[in-house]
Amino acid sequence: NHFLLFLLAPVVNEWNISILSVKSLSISVSWASYVPDYPYLFALYAVVCTPTNQDVGPTVAIANGTQTQLEVLRLRALTEYSVQVLALIVHPDSGALTFKGSHILVASTVEGGKY
């Protein structure tokens, strides 16, 4: 189950992320590039927004290539979320996949209509 890999991703404390903006139904996030330890290779970034009240599961948005900024859509208004960026890395010989996690921030969506 890939969801469990998200939950168990080791946190890289020096890997910083920032909340750029918060709207009623979205949170924009930016992050520093993650450089995996040799011999691992970078595969993709994912931003995971999880309601802190755990009413529903996480919303996951996948970044395109090496982009380091993303707006996570389809969130709930007036909801507090934990926000984390994950890097999926791959071992070039075995093909083994591993997630590494940024530190976690908390942000609350605002009241609003369709935006």
PDB file of N, CA and C in Angstrom:
ATOM      1  N   ASN A   1       0.845  -1.177   0.000  1.00  0.00           N
ATOM      2  CA  ASN A   1       0.000   0.000   0.000  1.00  0.00           C
ATOM      3  C   ASN A   1       0.893   1.244   0.000  1.00  0.00           C
ATOM      4  N   HIS A   2       0.824   2.038  -1.064  1.00  0.00           N
ATOM      5  CA  HIS A   2       1.688   3.219  -1.193  1.00  0.00           C
ATOM      6  C   HIS A   2       1.369   4.278  -0.148  1.00  0.00           C
ATOM      7  N   PHE A   3       0.098   4.331   0.311  1.00  0.00           N
ATOM      8  CA  PHE A   3      -0.262   5.310   1.329  1.00  0.00           C
ATOM      9  C   PHE A   3       0.569   5.112   2.591  1.00  0.00           C
ATOM     10  N   LEU A   4       0.824   3.873   2.958  1.00  0.00           N
ATOM     11  CA  LEU A   4       1.643   3.603   4.132  1.00  0.00           C
ATOM     12  C   LEU A   4       3.061   4.112   3.948  1.00  0.00           C
ATOM     13  N   LEU A   5       3.575   4.053   2.735  1.00  0.00           N
ATOM     14  CA  LEU A   5       4.916   4.586   2.473  1.00  0.00           C
ATOM     15  C   LEU A   5       4.954   6.087   2.746  1.00  0.00           C
ATOM     16  N   PHE A   6       3.861   6.803   2.385  1.00  0.00           N
ATOM     17  CA  PHE A   6       3.787   8.235   2.693  1.00  0.00           C
ATOM     18  C   PHE A   6       3.920   8.448   4.190  1.00  0.00           C
ATOM     19  N   LEU A   7       3.153   7.696   4.954  1.00  0.00           N
ATOM     20  CA  LEU A   7       3.116   7.884   6.395  1.00  0.00           C
ATOM     21  C   LEU A   7       4.444   7.551   7.048  1.00  0.00           C
ATOM     22  N   LEU A   8       5.177   6.634   6.463  1.00  0.00           N
ATOM     23  CA  LEU A   8       6.416   6.156   7.060  1.00  0.00           C
ATOM     24  C   LEU A   8       7.667   6.818   6.487  1.00  0.00           C
ATOM     25  N   ALA A   9       7.487   7.806   5.618  1.00  0.00           N
ATOM     26  CA  ALA A   9       8.640   8.452   4.993  1.00  0.00           C
ATOM     27  C   ALA A   9       9.514   9.117   6.053  1.00  0.00           C
ATOM     28  N   PRO A  10      10.808   8.791   6.082  1.00  0.00           N
ATOM     29  CA  PRO A  10      11.702   9.455   7.032  1.00  0.00           C
ATOM     30  C   PRO A  10      11.755  10.959   6.750  1.00  0.00           C
ATOM     31  N   VAL A  11      11.711  11.757   7.808  1.00  0.00           N
ATOM     32  CA  VAL A  11      11.736  13.212   7.658  1.00  0.00           C
ATOM     33  C   VAL A  11      13.183  13.686   7.566  1.00  0.00           C
ATOM     34  N   VAL A  12      13.452  14.524   6.571  1.00  0.00           N
ATOM     35  CA  VAL A  12      14.759  15.154   6.386  1.00  0.00           C
ATOM     36  C   VAL A  12      14.625  16.569   6.949  1.00  0.00           C
ATOM     37  N   ASN A  13      15.076  16.758   8.183  1.00  0.00           N
ATOM     38  CA  ASN A  13      14.793  18.005   8.903  1.00  0.00           C
ATOM     39  C   ASN A  13      15.330  19.255   8.225  1.00  0.00           C
ATOM     40  N   GLU A  14      16.430  19.139   7.517  1.00  0.00           N
ATOM     41  CA  GLU A  14      17.011  20.332   6.878  1.00  0.00           C
ATOM     42  C   GLU A  14      16.366  20.638   5.523  1.00  0.00           C
ATOM     43  N   TRP A  15      15.395  19.814   5.099  1.00  0.00           N
ATOM     44  CA  TRP A  15      14.720  20.049   3.825  1.00  0.00           C
ATOM     45  C   TRP A  15      13.529  20.965   4.077  1.00  0.00           C
ATOM     46  N   ASN A  16      13.651  22.219   3.648  1.00  0.00           N
ATOM     47  CA  ASN A  16      12.664  23.236   3.974  1.00  0.00           C
ATOM     48  C   ASN A  16      11.583  23.380   2.918  1.00  0.00           C
ATOM     49  N   ILE A  17      10.374  23.647   3.396  1.00  0.00           N
ATOM     50  CA  ILE A  17       9.251  23.963   2.520  1.00  0.00           C
ATOM     51  C   ILE A  17       8.604  25.240   3.029  1.00  0.00           C
ATOM     52  N   SER A  18       7.831  25.897   2.175  1.00  0.00           N
ATOM     53  CA  SER A  18       7.151  27.145   2.542  1.00  0.00           C
ATOM     54  C   SER A  18       5.723  27.116   2.021  1.00  0.00           C
ATOM     55  N   ILE A  19       4.821  27.710   2.785  1.00  0.00           N
ATOM     56  CA  ILE A  19       3.451  27.924   2.321  1.00  0.00           C
ATOM     57  C   ILE A  19       3.453  29.283   1.621  1.00  0.00           C
ATOM     58  N   LEU A  20       3.118  29.301   0.333  1.00  0.00           N
ATOM     59  CA  LEU A  20       3.112  30.555  -0.428  1.00  0.00           C
ATOM     60  C   LEU A  20       1.791  31.286  -0.295  1.00  0.00           C
ATOM     61  N   SER A  21       0.680  30.546  -0.356  1.00  0.00           N
ATOM     62  CA  SER A  21      -0.633  31.159  -0.212  1.00  0.00           C
ATOM     63  C   SER A  21      -1.637  30.108   0.214  1.00  0.00           C
ATOM     64  N   VAL A  22      -2.683  30.588   0.871  1.00  0.00           N
ATOM     65  CA  VAL A  22      -3.763  29.717   1.318  1.00  0.00           C
ATOM     66  C   VAL A  22      -5.069  30.339   0.855  1.00  0.00           C
ATOM     67  N   LYS A  23      -5.891  29.545   0.182  1.00  0.00           N
ATOM     68  CA  LYS A  23      -7.207  29.990  -0.263  1.00  0.00           C
ATOM     69  C   LYS A  23      -8.245  29.094   0.408  1.00  0.00           C
ATOM     70  N   SER A  24      -9.499  29.221  -0.002  1.00  0.00           N
ATOM     71  CA  SER A  24     -10.530  28.417   0.649  1.00  0.00           C
ATOM     72  C   SER A  24     -10.426  26.941   0.284  1.00  0.00           C
ATOM     73  N   LEU A  25     -10.001  26.655  -0.949  1.00  0.00           N
ATOM     74  CA  LEU A  25      -9.983  25.271  -1.413  1.00  0.00           C
ATOM     75  C   LEU A  25      -8.610  24.814  -1.894  1.00  0.00           C
ATOM     76  N   SER A  26      -7.558  25.587  -1.601  1.00  0.00           N
ATOM     77  CA  SER A  26      -6.224  25.199  -2.072  1.00  0.00           C
ATOM     78  C   SER A  26      -5.134  25.802  -1.185  1.00  0.00           C
ATOM     79  N   ILE A  27      -3.977  25.158  -1.243  1.00  0.00           N
ATOM     80  CA  ILE A  27      -2.775  25.643  -0.562  1.00  0.00           C
ATOM     81  C   ILE A  27      -1.627  25.555  -1.562  1.00  0.00           C
ATOM     82  N   SER A  28      -0.888  26.675  -1.729  1.00  0.00           N
ATOM     83  CA  SER A  28       0.279  26.688  -2.605  1.00  0.00           C
ATOM     84  C   SER A  28       1.536  26.509  -1.763  1.00  0.00           C
ATOM     85  N   VAL A  29       2.403  25.619  -2.233  1.00  0.00           N
ATOM     86  CA  VAL A  29       3.589  25.223  -1.477  1.00  0.00           C
ATOM     87  C   VAL A  29       4.816  25.334  -2.375  1.00  0.00           C
ATOM     88  N   SER A  30       5.932  25.750  -1.799  1.00  0.00           N
ATOM     89  CA  SER A  30       7.213  25.693  -2.517  1.00  0.00           C
ATOM     90  C   SER A  30       8.208  24.969  -1.625  1.00  0.00           C
ATOM     91  N   TRP A  31       9.256  24.462  -2.240  1.00  0.00           N
ATOM     92  CA  TRP A  31      10.237  23.694  -1.478  1.00  0.00           C
ATOM     93  C   TRP A  31      11.600  23.760  -2.149  1.00  0.00           C
ATOM     94  N   ALA A  32      12.618  23.516  -1.356  1.00  0.00           N
ATOM     95  CA  ALA A  32      13.976  23.409  -1.879  1.00  0.00           C
ATOM     96  C   ALA A  32      14.108  22.072  -2.610  1.00  0.00           C
ATOM     97  N   SER A  33      14.961  22.018  -3.603  1.00  0.00           N
ATOM     98  CA  SER A  33      15.213  20.751  -4.298  1.00  0.00           C
ATOM     99  C   SER A  33      15.803  19.749  -3.319  1.00  0.00           C
ATOM    100  N   TYR A  34      15.386  18.493  -3.451  1.00  0.00           N
ATOM    101  CA  TYR A  34      15.942  17.431  -2.619  1.00  0.00           C
ATOM    102  C   TYR A  34      16.987  16.682  -3.433  1.00  0.00           C
ATOM    103  N   VAL A  35      18.177  16.550  -2.884  1.00  0.00           N
ATOM    104  CA  VAL A  35      19.263  15.826  -3.556  1.00  0.00           C
ATOM    105  C   VAL A  35      19.499  14.533  -2.779  1.00  0.00           C
ATOM    106  N   PRO A  36      19.140  13.383  -3.359  1.00  0.00           N
ATOM    107  CA  PRO A  36      19.299  12.126  -2.624  1.00  0.00           C
ATOM    108  C   PRO A  36      20.767  11.736  -2.469  1.00  0.00           C
ATOM    109  N   ASP A  37      21.016  10.931  -1.448  1.00  0.00           N
ATOM    110  CA  ASP A  37      22.354  10.409  -1.232  1.00  0.00           C
ATOM    111  C   ASP A  37      22.705   9.412  -2.337  1.00  0.00           C
ATOM    112  N   TYR A  38      23.983   9.373  -2.710  1.00  0.00           N
ATOM    113  CA  TYR A  38      24.468   8.416  -3.696  1.00  0.00           C
ATOM    114  C   TYR A  38      24.210   7.001  -3.186  1.00  0.00           C
ATOM    115  N   PRO A  39      23.767   6.067  -3.994  1.00  0.00           N
ATOM    116  CA  PRO A  39      23.593   6.136  -5.447  1.00  0.00           C
ATOM    117  C   PRO A  39      22.149   6.432  -5.883  1.00  0.00           C
ATOM    118  N   TYR A  40      21.276   6.815  -4.938  1.00  0.00           N
ATOM    119  CA  TYR A  40      19.866   7.026  -5.280  1.00  0.00           C
ATOM    120  C   TYR A  40      19.678   8.158  -6.271  1.00  0.00           C
ATOM    121  N   LEU A  41      18.622   8.050  -7.073  1.00  0.00           N
ATOM    122  CA  LEU A  41      18.276   9.050  -8.077  1.00  0.00           C
ATOM    123  C   LEU A  41      16.896   9.608  -7.762  1.00  0.00           C
ATOM    124  N   PHE A  42      16.718  10.897  -8.012  1.00  0.00           N
ATOM    125  CA  PHE A  42      15.426  11.543  -7.807  1.00  0.00           C
ATOM    126  C   PHE A  42      14.420  11.047  -8.852  1.00  0.00           C
ATOM    127  N   ALA A  43      13.170  10.784  -8.436  1.00  0.00           N
ATOM    128  CA  ALA A  43      12.126  10.346  -9.366  1.00  0.00           C
ATOM    129  C   ALA A  43      10.997  11.375  -9.468  1.00  0.00           C
ATOM    130  N   LEU A  44      10.418  11.797  -8.340  1.00  0.00           N
ATOM    131  CA  LEU A  44       9.335  12.786  -8.384  1.00  0.00           C
ATOM    132  C   LEU A  44       9.086  13.383  -7.016  1.00  0.00           C
ATOM    133  N   TYR A  45       8.354  14.529  -7.039  1.00  0.00           N
ATOM    134  CA  TYR A  45       7.891  15.169  -5.817  1.00  0.00           C
ATOM    135  C   TYR A  45       6.384  15.000  -5.706  1.00  0.00           C
ATOM    136  N   ALA A  46       5.906  14.849  -4.484  1.00  0.00           N
ATOM    137  CA  ALA A  46       4.478  14.849  -4.208  1.00  0.00           C
ATOM    138  C   ALA A  46       4.239  15.744  -2.993  1.00  0.00           C
ATOM    139  N   VAL A  47       3.151  16.514  -3.033  1.00  0.00           N
ATOM    140  CA  VAL A  47       2.756  17.333  -1.887  1.00  0.00           C
ATOM    141  C   VAL A  47       1.538  16.667  -1.258  1.00  0.00           C
ATOM    142  N   VAL A  48       1.612  16.429   0.042  1.00  0.00           N
ATOM    143  CA  VAL A  48       0.545  15.728   0.762  1.00  0.00           C
ATOM    144  C   VAL A  48      -0.059  16.678   1.785  1.00  0.00           C
ATOM    145  N   CYS A  49      -1.370  16.932   1.647  1.00  0.00           N
ATOM    146  CA  CYS A  49      -2.108  17.758   2.598  1.00  0.00           C
ATOM    147  C   CYS A  49      -3.097  16.858   3.329  1.00  0.00           C
ATOM    148  N   THR A  50      -2.932  16.727   4.639  1.00  0.00           N
ATOM    149  CA  THR A  50      -3.764  15.827   5.438  1.00  0.00           C
ATOM    150  C   THR A  50      -4.522  16.635   6.487  1.00  0.00           C
ATOM    151  N   PRO A  51      -5.850  16.543   6.511  1.00  0.00           N
ATOM    152  CA  PRO A  51      -6.600  17.261   7.549  1.00  0.00           C
ATOM    153  C   PRO A  51      -6.148  16.815   8.938  1.00  0.00           C
ATOM    154  N   THR A  52      -5.862  17.771   9.800  1.00  0.00           N
ATOM    155  CA  THR A  52      -5.379  17.410  11.131  1.00  0.00           C
ATOM    156  C   THR A  52      -6.468  16.733  11.964  1.00  0.00           C
ATOM    157  N   ASN A  53      -7.754  16.966  11.620  1.00  0.00           N
ATOM    158  CA  ASN A  53      -8.840  16.302  12.339  1.00  0.00           C
ATOM    159  C   ASN A  53      -9.099  14.892  11.814  1.00  0.00           C
ATOM    160  N   GLN A  54      -8.414  14.522  10.735  1.00  0.00           N
ATOM    161  CA  GLN A  54      -8.474  13.179  10.147  1.00  0.00           C
ATOM    162  C   GLN A  54      -9.883  12.768   9.734  1.00  0.00           C
ATOM    163  N   ASP A  55     -10.738  13.774   9.408  1.00  0.00           N
ATOM    164  CA  ASP A  55     -12.088  13.469   8.914  1.00  0.00           C
ATOM    165  C   ASP A  55     -12.044  12.726   7.591  1.00  0.00           C
ATOM    166  N   VAL A  56     -11.100  13.089   6.762  1.00  0.00           N
ATOM    167  CA  VAL A  56     -10.920  12.444   5.459  1.00  0.00           C
ATOM    168  C   VAL A  56      -9.441  12.158   5.279  1.00  0.00           C
ATOM    169  N   GLY A  57      -9.120  11.357   4.276  1.00  0.00           N
ATOM    170  CA  GLY A  57      -7.730  11.034   3.996  1.00  0.00           C
ATOM    171  C   GLY A  57      -6.997  12.201   3.366  1.00  0.00           C
ATOM    172  N   PRO A  58      -5.719  12.007   3.074  1.00  0.00           N
ATOM    173  CA  PRO A  58      -4.901  13.079   2.514  1.00  0.00           C
ATOM    174  C   PRO A  58      -5.253  13.377   1.063  1.00  0.00           C
ATOM    175  N   THR A  59      -4.956  14.597   0.659  1.00  0.00           N
ATOM    176  CA  THR A  59      -5.006  14.997  -0.743  1.00  0.00           C
ATOM    177  C   THR A  59      -3.562  15.059  -1.222  1.00  0.00           C
ATOM    178  N   VAL A  60      -3.267  14.357  -2.325  1.00  0.00           N
ATOM    179  CA  VAL A  60      -1.901  14.267  -2.835  1.00  0.00           C
ATOM    180  C   VAL A  60      -1.848  14.891  -4.222  1.00  0.00           C
ATOM    181  N   ALA A  61      -0.884  15.771  -4.431  1.00  0.00           N
ATOM    182  CA  ALA A  61      -0.653  16.374  -5.744  1.00  0.00           C
ATOM    183  C   ALA A  61       0.774  16.041  -6.173  1.00  0.00           C
ATOM    184  N   ILE A  62       0.922  15.616  -7.417  1.00  0.00           N
ATOM    185  CA  ILE A  62       2.231  15.233  -7.959  1.00  0.00           C
ATOM    186  C   ILE A  62       2.789  16.385  -8.789  1.00  0.00           C
ATOM    187  N   ALA A  63       4.027  16.751  -8.524  1.00  0.00           N
ATOM    188  CA  ALA A  63       4.684  17.817  -9.283  1.00  0.00           C
ATOM    189  C   ALA A  63       5.158  17.284 -10.629  1.00  0.00           C
ATOM    190  N   ASN A  64       5.241  18.179 -11.603  1.00  0.00           N
ATOM    191  CA  ASN A  64       5.767  17.829 -12.922  1.00  0.00           C
ATOM    192  C   ASN A  64       7.287  17.918 -12.896  1.00  0.00           C
ATOM    193  N   GLY A  65       7.928  16.791 -13.146  1.00  0.00           N
ATOM    194  CA  GLY A  65       9.394  16.783 -13.233  1.00  0.00           C
ATOM    195  C   GLY A  65      10.050  17.320 -11.989  1.00  0.00           C
ATOM    196  N   THR A  66      10.899  18.312 -12.160  1.00  0.00           N
ATOM    197  CA  THR A  66      11.659  18.849 -11.036  1.00  0.00           C
ATOM    198  C   THR A  66      11.086  20.167 -10.534  1.00  0.00           C
ATOM    199  N   GLN A  67       9.833  20.501 -10.886  1.00  0.00           N
ATOM    200  CA  GLN A  67       9.249  21.748 -10.382  1.00  0.00           C
ATOM    201  C   GLN A  67       9.251  21.742  -8.862  1.00  0.00           C
ATOM    202  N   THR A  68       9.427  22.920  -8.264  1.00  0.00           N
ATOM    203  CA  THR A  68       9.539  23.020  -6.808  1.00  0.00           C
ATOM    204  C   THR A  68       8.483  23.959  -6.231  1.00  0.00           C
ATOM    205  N   GLN A  69       7.335  24.020  -6.893  1.00  0.00           N
ATOM    206  CA  GLN A  69       6.220  24.833  -6.421  1.00  0.00           C
ATOM    207  C   GLN A  69       4.946  24.218  -6.969  1.00  0.00           C
ATOM    208  N   LEU A  70       3.899  24.167  -6.148  1.00  0.00           N
ATOM    209  CA  LEU A  70       2.677  23.492  -6.576  1.00  0.00           C
ATOM    210  C   LEU A  70       1.501  23.998  -5.763  1.00  0.00           C
ATOM    211  N   GLU A  71       0.340  24.113  -6.423  1.00  0.00           N
ATOM    212  CA  GLU A  71      -0.902  24.432  -5.728  1.00  0.00           C
ATOM    213  C   GLU A  71      -1.698  23.142  -5.568  1.00  0.00           C
ATOM    214  N   VAL A  72      -1.990  22.776  -4.332  1.00  0.00           N
ATOM    215  CA  VAL A  72      -2.786  21.587  -4.051  1.00  0.00           C
ATOM    216  C   VAL A  72      -4.247  22.009  -4.050  1.00  0.00           C
ATOM    217  N   LEU A  73      -5.021  21.407  -4.949  1.00  0.00           N
ATOM    218  CA  LEU A  73      -6.424  21.771  -5.137  1.00  0.00           C
ATOM    219  C   LEU A  73      -7.340  20.763  -4.448  1.00  0.00           C
ATOM    220  N   ARG A  74      -8.637  21.031  -4.497  1.00  0.00           N
ATOM    221  CA  ARG A  74      -9.682  20.123  -4.000  1.00  0.00           C
ATOM    222  C   ARG A  74      -9.602  19.907  -2.484  1.00  0.00           C
ATOM    223  N   LEU A  75      -9.206  20.971  -1.774  1.00  0.00           N
ATOM    224  CA  LEU A  75      -9.197  20.899  -0.320  1.00  0.00           C
ATOM    225  C   LEU A  75     -10.531  21.418   0.216  1.00  0.00           C
ATOM    226  N   ARG A  76     -10.737  21.295   1.508  1.00  0.00           N
ATOM    227  CA  ARG A  76     -11.958  21.765   2.156  1.00  0.00           C
ATOM    228  C   ARG A  76     -11.717  23.129   2.791  1.00  0.00           C
ATOM    229  N   ALA A  77     -12.721  24.016   2.686  1.00  0.00           N
ATOM    230  CA  ALA A  77     -12.631  25.327   3.322  1.00  0.00           C
ATOM    231  C   ALA A  77     -12.656  25.167   4.841  1.00  0.00           C
ATOM    232  N   LEU A  78     -12.049  26.138   5.534  1.00  0.00           N
ATOM    233  CA  LEU A  78     -12.042  26.194   6.996  1.00  0.00           C
ATOM    234  C   LEU A  78     -11.545  24.897   7.626  1.00  0.00           C
ATOM    235  N   THR A  79     -10.466  24.354   7.065  1.00  0.00           N
ATOM    236  CA  THR A  79      -9.909  23.093   7.550  1.00  0.00           C
ATOM    237  C   THR A  79      -8.413  23.259   7.778  1.00  0.00           C
ATOM    238  N   GLU A  80      -7.933  22.735   8.887  1.00  0.00           N
ATOM    239  CA  GLU A  80      -6.501  22.763   9.181  1.00  0.00           C
ATOM    240  C   GLU A  80      -5.844  21.526   8.566  1.00  0.00           C
ATOM    241  N   TYR A  81      -4.745  21.742   7.839  1.00  0.00           N
ATOM    242  CA  TYR A  81      -4.018  20.667   7.160  1.00  0.00           C
ATOM    243  C   TYR A  81      -2.569  20.620   7.619  1.00  0.00           C
ATOM    244  N   SER A  82      -2.040  19.406   7.740  1.00  0.00           N
ATOM    245  CA  SER A  82      -0.594  19.259   7.807  1.00  0.00           C
ATOM    246  C   SER A  82      -0.114  19.133   6.359  1.00  0.00           C
ATOM    247  N   VAL A  83       0.974  19.815   6.048  1.00  0.00           N
ATOM    248  CA  VAL A  83       1.487  19.888   4.679  1.00  0.00           C
ATOM    249  C   VAL A  83       2.911  19.358   4.671  1.00  0.00           C
ATOM    250  N   GLN A  84       3.167  18.394   3.791  1.00  0.00           N
ATOM    251  CA  GLN A  84       4.506  17.818   3.677  1.00  0.00           C
ATOM    252  C   GLN A  84       4.810  17.551   2.211  1.00  0.00           C
ATOM    253  N   VAL A  85       6.059  17.770   1.824  1.00  0.00           N
ATOM    254  CA  VAL A  85       6.526  17.407   0.489  1.00  0.00           C
ATOM    255  C   VAL A  85       7.307  16.107   0.606  1.00  0.00           C
ATOM    256  N   LEU A  86       7.031  15.197  -0.306  1.00  0.00           N
ATOM    257  CA  LEU A  86       7.753  13.931  -0.356  1.00  0.00           C
ATOM    258  C   LEU A  86       8.567  13.864  -1.636  1.00  0.00           C
ATOM    259  N   ALA A  87       9.755  13.312  -1.543  1.00  0.00           N
ATOM    260  CA  ALA A  87      10.566  13.016  -2.720  1.00  0.00           C
ATOM    261  C   ALA A  87      10.587  11.501  -2.877  1.00  0.00           C
ATOM    262  N   LEU A  88      10.239  11.032  -4.062  1.00  0.00           N
ATOM    263  CA  LEU A  88      10.363   9.612  -4.374  1.00  0.00           C
ATOM    264  C   LEU A  88      11.722   9.429  -5.020  1.00  0.00           C
ATOM    265  N   ILE A  89      12.538   8.553  -4.435  1.00  0.00           N
ATOM    266  CA  ILE A  89      13.858   8.293  -4.989  1.00  0.00           C
ATOM    267  C   ILE A  89      13.968   6.816  -5.330  1.00  0.00           C
ATOM    268  N   VAL A  90      14.848   6.506  -6.256  1.00  0.00           N
ATOM    269  CA  VAL A  90      14.983   5.136  -6.735  1.00  0.00           C
ATOM    270  C   VAL A  90      16.448   4.717  -6.725  1.00  0.00           C
ATOM    271  N   HIS A  91      16.695   3.472  -6.342  1.00  0.00           N
ATOM    272  CA  HIS A  91      18.047   2.922  -6.393  1.00  0.00           C
ATOM    273  C   HIS A  91      18.296   2.451  -7.825  1.00  0.00           C
ATOM    274  N   PRO A  92      19.356   2.915  -8.483  1.00  0.00           N
ATOM    275  CA  PRO A  92      19.557   2.615  -9.908  1.00  0.00           C
ATOM    276  C   PRO A  92      19.800   1.140 -10.211  1.00  0.00           C
ATOM    277  N   ASP A  93      20.334   0.381  -9.269  1.00  0.00           N
ATOM    278  CA  ASP A  93      20.627  -1.032  -9.527  1.00  0.00           C
ATOM    279  C   ASP A  93      19.438  -1.928  -9.200  1.00  0.00           C
ATOM    280  N   SER A  94      18.879  -1.759  -8.005  1.00  0.00           N
ATOM    281  CA  SER A  94      17.798  -2.655  -7.573  1.00  0.00           C
ATOM    282  C   SER A  94      16.430  -2.178  -8.024  1.00  0.00           C
ATOM    283  N   GLY A  95      16.295  -0.879  -8.334  1.00  0.00           N
ATOM    284  CA  GLY A  95      14.984  -0.324  -8.670  1.00  0.00           C
ATOM    285  C   GLY A  95      14.129  -0.059  -7.439  1.00  0.00           C
ATOM    286  N   ALA A  96      14.702  -0.258  -6.245  1.00  0.00           N
ATOM    287  CA  ALA A  96      13.952  -0.048  -5.000  1.00  0.00           C
ATOM    288  C   ALA A  96      13.536   1.413  -4.873  1.00  0.00           C
ATOM    289  N   LEU A  97      12.269   1.630  -4.514  1.00  0.00           N
ATOM    290  CA  LEU A  97      11.717   2.976  -4.349  1.00  0.00           C
ATOM    291  C   LEU A  97      11.656   3.330  -2.869  1.00  0.00           C
ATOM    292  N   THR A  98      11.976   4.583  -2.556  1.00  0.00           N
ATOM    293  CA  THR A  98      11.952   5.074  -1.192  1.00  0.00           C
ATOM    294  C   THR A  98      11.420   6.495  -1.188  1.00  0.00           C
ATOM    295  N   PHE A  99      10.617   6.841  -0.177  1.00  0.00           N
ATOM    296  CA  PHE A  99      10.178   8.219   0.007  1.00  0.00           C
ATOM    297  C   PHE A  99      11.026   8.886   1.079  1.00  0.00           C
ATOM    298  N   LYS A 100      11.289  10.181   0.882  1.00  0.00           N
ATOM    299  CA  LYS A 100      11.889  11.022   1.913  1.00  0.00           C
ATOM    300  C   LYS A 100      10.942  12.198   2.105  1.00  0.00           C
ATOM    301  N   GLY A 101      10.750  12.618   3.360  1.00  0.00           N
ATOM    302  CA  GLY A 101       9.788  13.675   3.649  1.00  0.00           C
ATOM    303  C   GLY A 101      10.433  14.951   4.136  1.00  0.00           C
ATOM    304  N   SER A 102       9.837  16.082   3.741  1.00  0.00           N
ATOM    305  CA  SER A 102      10.261  17.375   4.266  1.00  0.00           C
ATOM    306  C   SER A 102       9.760  17.507   5.701  1.00  0.00           C
ATOM    307  N   HIS A 103      10.163  18.586   6.362  1.00  0.00           N
ATOM    308  CA  HIS A 103       9.517  18.878   7.639  1.00  0.00           C
ATOM    309  C   HIS A 103       8.049  19.203   7.351  1.00  0.00           C
ATOM    310  N   ILE A 104       7.219  19.174   8.357  1.00  0.00           N
ATOM    311  CA  ILE A 104       5.775  19.338   8.179  1.00  0.00           C
ATOM    312  C   ILE A 104       5.349  20.720   8.666  1.00  0.00           C
ATOM    313  N   LEU A 105       4.535  21.389   7.850  1.00  0.00           N
ATOM    314  CA  LEU A 105       3.942  22.661   8.239  1.00  0.00           C
ATOM    315  C   LEU A 105       2.449  22.458   8.432  1.00  0.00           C
ATOM    316  N   VAL A 106       1.820  23.386   9.158  1.00  0.00           N
ATOM    317  CA  VAL A 106       0.372  23.343   9.342  1.00  0.00           C
ATOM    318  C   VAL A 106      -0.207  24.639   8.793  1.00  0.00           C
ATOM    319  N   ALA A 107      -1.268  24.513   7.996  1.00  0.00           N
ATOM    320  CA  ALA A 107      -1.951  25.677   7.421  1.00  0.00           C
ATOM    321  C   ALA A 107      -3.445  25.417   7.428  1.00  0.00           C
ATOM    322  N   SER A 108      -4.221  26.482   7.593  1.00  0.00           N
ATOM    323  CA  SER A 108      -5.678  26.361   7.585  1.00  0.00           C
ATOM    324  C   SER A 108      -6.250  27.067   6.371  1.00  0.00           C
ATOM    325  N   THR A 109      -7.102  26.362   5.635  1.00  0.00           N
ATOM    326  CA  THR A 109      -7.797  26.999   4.515  1.00  0.00           C
ATOM    327  C   THR A 109      -8.778  28.009   5.082  1.00  0.00           C
ATOM    328  N   VAL A 110      -9.158  28.955   4.247  1.00  0.00           N
ATOM    329  CA  VAL A 110     -10.010  30.056   4.697  1.00  0.00           C
ATOM    330  C   VAL A 110     -11.449  29.813   4.264  1.00  0.00           C
ATOM    331  N   GLU A 111     -12.327  30.637   4.790  1.00  0.00           N
ATOM    332  CA  GLU A 111     -13.725  30.571   4.379  1.00  0.00           C
ATOM    333  C   GLU A 111     -13.838  31.146   2.973  1.00  0.00           C
ATOM    334  N   GLY A 112     -14.707  30.598   2.173  1.00  0.00           N
ATOM    335  CA  GLY A 112     -14.858  31.139   0.835  1.00  0.00           C
ATOM    336  C   GLY A 112     -15.804  30.339  -0.002  1.00  0.00           C
ATOM    337  N   GLY A 113     -15.993  30.789  -1.226  1.00  0.00           N
ATOM    338  CA  GLY A 113     -16.891  30.115  -2.156  1.00  0.00           C
ATOM    339  C   GLY A 113     -16.138  29.165  -3.051  1.00  0.00           C
ATOM    340  N   LYS A 114     -16.160  29.447  -4.341  1.00  0.00           N
ATOM    341  CA  LYS A 114     -15.609  28.529  -5.334  1.00  0.00           C
ATOM    342  C   LYS A 114     -14.102  28.695  -5.506  1.00  0.00           C
ATOM    343  N   TYR A 115     -13.506  29.677  -4.901  1.00  0.00           N
ATOM    344  CA  TYR A 115     -12.100  29.940  -5.122  1.00  0.00           C
ATOM    345  C   TYR A 115     -11.317  29.716  -3.864  1.00  0.00           C
TER     346      TYR A 115
END
